[in-house]
C-alpha atoms as a PDB file:
ATOM      1  CA  ASN A   1     117.823  79.469 123.933  1.00  0.00           C
ATOM      2  CA  LEU A   2     117.158  80.143 120.140  1.00  0.00           C
ATOM      3  CA  LEU A   3     115.717  83.482 118.980  1.00  0.00           C
ATOM      4  CA  ALA A   4     114.473  83.498 115.371  1.00  0.00           C
ATOM      5  CA  ASP A   5     113.317  86.259 113.059  1.00  0.00           C
ATOM      6  CA  LEU A   6     111.294  84.298 110.645  1.00  0.00           C
ATOM      7  CA  GLY A   7     109.934  87.647 108.650  1.00  0.00           C
ATOM      8  CA  LEU A   8     106.476  86.781 109.100  1.00  0.00           C
ATOM      9  CA  SER A   9     103.799  88.092 111.615  1.00  0.00           C
ATOM     10  CA  SER A  10     100.517  86.316 112.786  1.00  0.00           C
ATOM     11  CA  MET A  11      98.629  89.052 110.930  1.00  0.00           C
ATOM     12  CA  GLN A  12     100.289  87.819 107.458  1.00  0.00           C
ATOM     13  CA  ILE A  13      99.654  84.061 108.387  1.00  0.00           C
ATOM     14  CA  ASP A  14      96.152  84.586 109.472  1.00  0.00           C
ATOM     15  CA  ASP A  15      94.869  86.630 106.374  1.00  0.00           C
ATOM     16  CA  ASN A  16      94.106  84.098 103.780  1.00  0.00           C
ATOM     17  CA  GLU A  17      94.217  86.551 101.185  1.00  0.00           C
ATOM     18  CA  ARG A  18      97.988  86.855 101.712  1.00  0.00           C
ATOM     19  CA  GLY A  19      98.397  83.048 100.607  1.00  0.00           C
ATOM     20  CA  PHE A  20     100.667  81.843 103.765  1.00  0.00           C
ATOM     21  CA  THR A  21      97.984  79.803 105.434  1.00  0.00           C
ATOM     22  CA  TYR A  22      97.006  76.177 104.192  1.00  0.00           C
ATOM     23  CA  LYS A  23      93.963  76.164 106.836  1.00  0.00           C
ATOM     24  CA  ARG A  24      91.662  78.054 104.745  1.00  0.00           C
ATOM     25  CA  GLU A  25      91.075  78.693 100.883  1.00  0.00           C
ATOM     26  CA  GLY A  26      92.816  81.823  99.483  1.00  0.00           C
ATOM     27  CA  PRO A  27      94.921  83.011  96.553  1.00  0.00           C
ATOM     28  CA  LEU A  28      98.440  81.511  96.430  1.00  0.00           C
ATOM     29  CA  ASP A  29     100.207  84.956  96.874  1.00  0.00           C
ATOM     30  CA  MET A  30     102.940  84.674  99.325  1.00  0.00           C
ATOM     31  CA  ARG A  31     104.332  88.189  98.820  1.00  0.00           C
ATOM     32  CA  MET A  32     105.961  89.715 101.751  1.00  0.00           C
ATOM     33  CA  ASN A  33     105.004  93.271 100.309  1.00  0.00           C
ATOM     34  CA  THR A  34     102.109  93.542  98.390  1.00  0.00           C
ATOM     35  CA  ASN A  35     101.875  97.501  98.424  1.00  0.00           C
ATOM     36  CA  THR A  36     102.339  98.379  95.053  1.00  0.00           C
ATOM     37  CA  ASN A  37     100.451 101.935  95.117  1.00  0.00           C
ATOM     38  CA  GLY A  38     103.688 103.847  95.208  1.00  0.00           C
ATOM     39  CA  THR A  39     103.770 104.533  99.057  1.00  0.00           C
ATOM     40  CA  SER A  40     106.108 101.945 100.073  1.00  0.00           C
ATOM     41  CA  THR A  41     109.265 103.161 102.371  1.00  0.00           C
ATOM     42  CA  LEU A  42     112.682 102.875 100.685  1.00  0.00           C
ATOM     43  CA  SER A  43     113.569  99.914 102.383  1.00  0.00           C
ATOM     44  CA  GLU A  44     110.294  98.034 101.194  1.00  0.00           C
ATOM     45  CA  SER A  45     110.488  99.390  97.743  1.00  0.00           C
ATOM     46  CA  ALA A  46     113.158  96.998  96.868  1.00  0.00           C
ATOM     47  CA  ALA A  47     110.928  94.012  98.011  1.00  0.00           C
ATOM     48  CA  VAL A  48     107.824  95.095  95.982  1.00  0.00           C
ATOM     49  CA  SER A  49     106.791  92.322  93.424  1.00  0.00           C
ATOM     50  CA  SER A  50     103.855  91.894  91.504  1.00  0.00           C
ATOM     51  CA  GLU A  51     104.570  88.115  90.789  1.00  0.00           C
ATOM     52  CA  THR A  52     102.652  85.950  93.159  1.00  0.00           C
ATOM     53  CA  ALA A  53     103.861  82.243  94.126  1.00  0.00           C
ATOM     54  CA  TYR A  54     101.027  81.218  91.723  1.00  0.00           C
ATOM     55  CA  ASP A  55     102.475  83.175  88.797  1.00  0.00           C
ATOM     56  CA  LEU A  56     105.912  81.804  89.596  1.00  0.00           C
ATOM     57  CA  LEU A  57     104.699  78.271  89.908  1.00  0.00           C
ATOM     58  CA  CYS A  58     102.815  78.757  86.426  1.00  0.00           C
ATOM     59  CA  ARG A  59     106.026  80.071  84.898  1.00  0.00           C
ATOM     60  CA  LEU A  60     108.684  77.581  86.281  1.00  0.00           C
ATOM     61  CA  LYS A  61     109.396  74.390  84.374  1.00  0.00           C
ATOM     62  CA  PRO A  62     109.333  71.315  86.486  1.00  0.00           C
ATOM     63  CA  LYS A  63     113.484  71.105  86.710  1.00  0.00           C
ATOM     64  CA  GLN A  64     113.446  74.539  87.665  1.00  0.00           C
ATOM     65  CA  PHE A  65     110.874  74.103  90.340  1.00  0.00           C
ATOM     66  CA  GLU A  66     112.808  71.011  91.523  1.00  0.00           C
ATOM     67  CA  SER A  67     116.041  72.958  91.777  1.00  0.00           C
ATOM     68  CA  MET A  68     114.323  75.828  93.698  1.00  0.00           C
ATOM     69  CA  LEU A  69     112.951  73.252  96.281  1.00  0.00           C
ATOM     70  CA  GLN A  70     116.247  71.675  96.663  1.00  0.00           C
ATOM     71  CA  GLU A  71     118.274  74.905  97.005  1.00  0.00           C
ATOM     72  CA  ASN A  72     115.960  76.462  99.519  1.00  0.00           C
ATOM     73  CA  SER A  73     114.606  73.753 101.454  1.00  0.00           C
ATOM     74  CA  ASP A  74     115.555  70.420 103.083  1.00  0.00           C
ATOM     75  CA  GLU A  75     112.531  68.926 101.184  1.00  0.00           C
ATOM     76  CA  ILE A  76     113.485  65.286 100.348  1.00  0.00           C
ATOM     77  CA  TYR A  77     110.661  64.797  97.792  1.00  0.00           C
ATOM     78  CA  ALA A  78     111.700  67.686  95.627  1.00  0.00           C
ATOM     79  CA  THR A  79     111.600  65.742  92.521  1.00  0.00           C
ATOM     80  CA  GLU A  80     108.138  64.145  93.031  1.00  0.00           C
ATOM     81  CA  ILE A  81     106.742  67.482  94.277  1.00  0.00           C
ATOM     82  CA  ALA A  82     107.974  69.343  90.960  1.00  0.00           C
ATOM     83  CA  GLN A  83     106.724  66.679  88.593  1.00  0.00           C
ATOM     84  CA  GLY A  84     103.250  67.033  90.321  1.00  0.00           C
END
């Protein structure tokens, strides 16, 4: 048996405004905590980021994106994906 906490809930995945789904159109956000109105709990406040996944991809150079894919996933096509 295996128990894994992936840190995602179906509410996050099902909401196309969060950017976790590829089934429907929506912004490429992917932030776990989008609460930036100052009401975050102490544990959440460290995770609040205003940079979306789209912002990150626009900022990274292809080599940086390739390194990120190689270091954080088992993606065998990291070079090809990073080059677009």
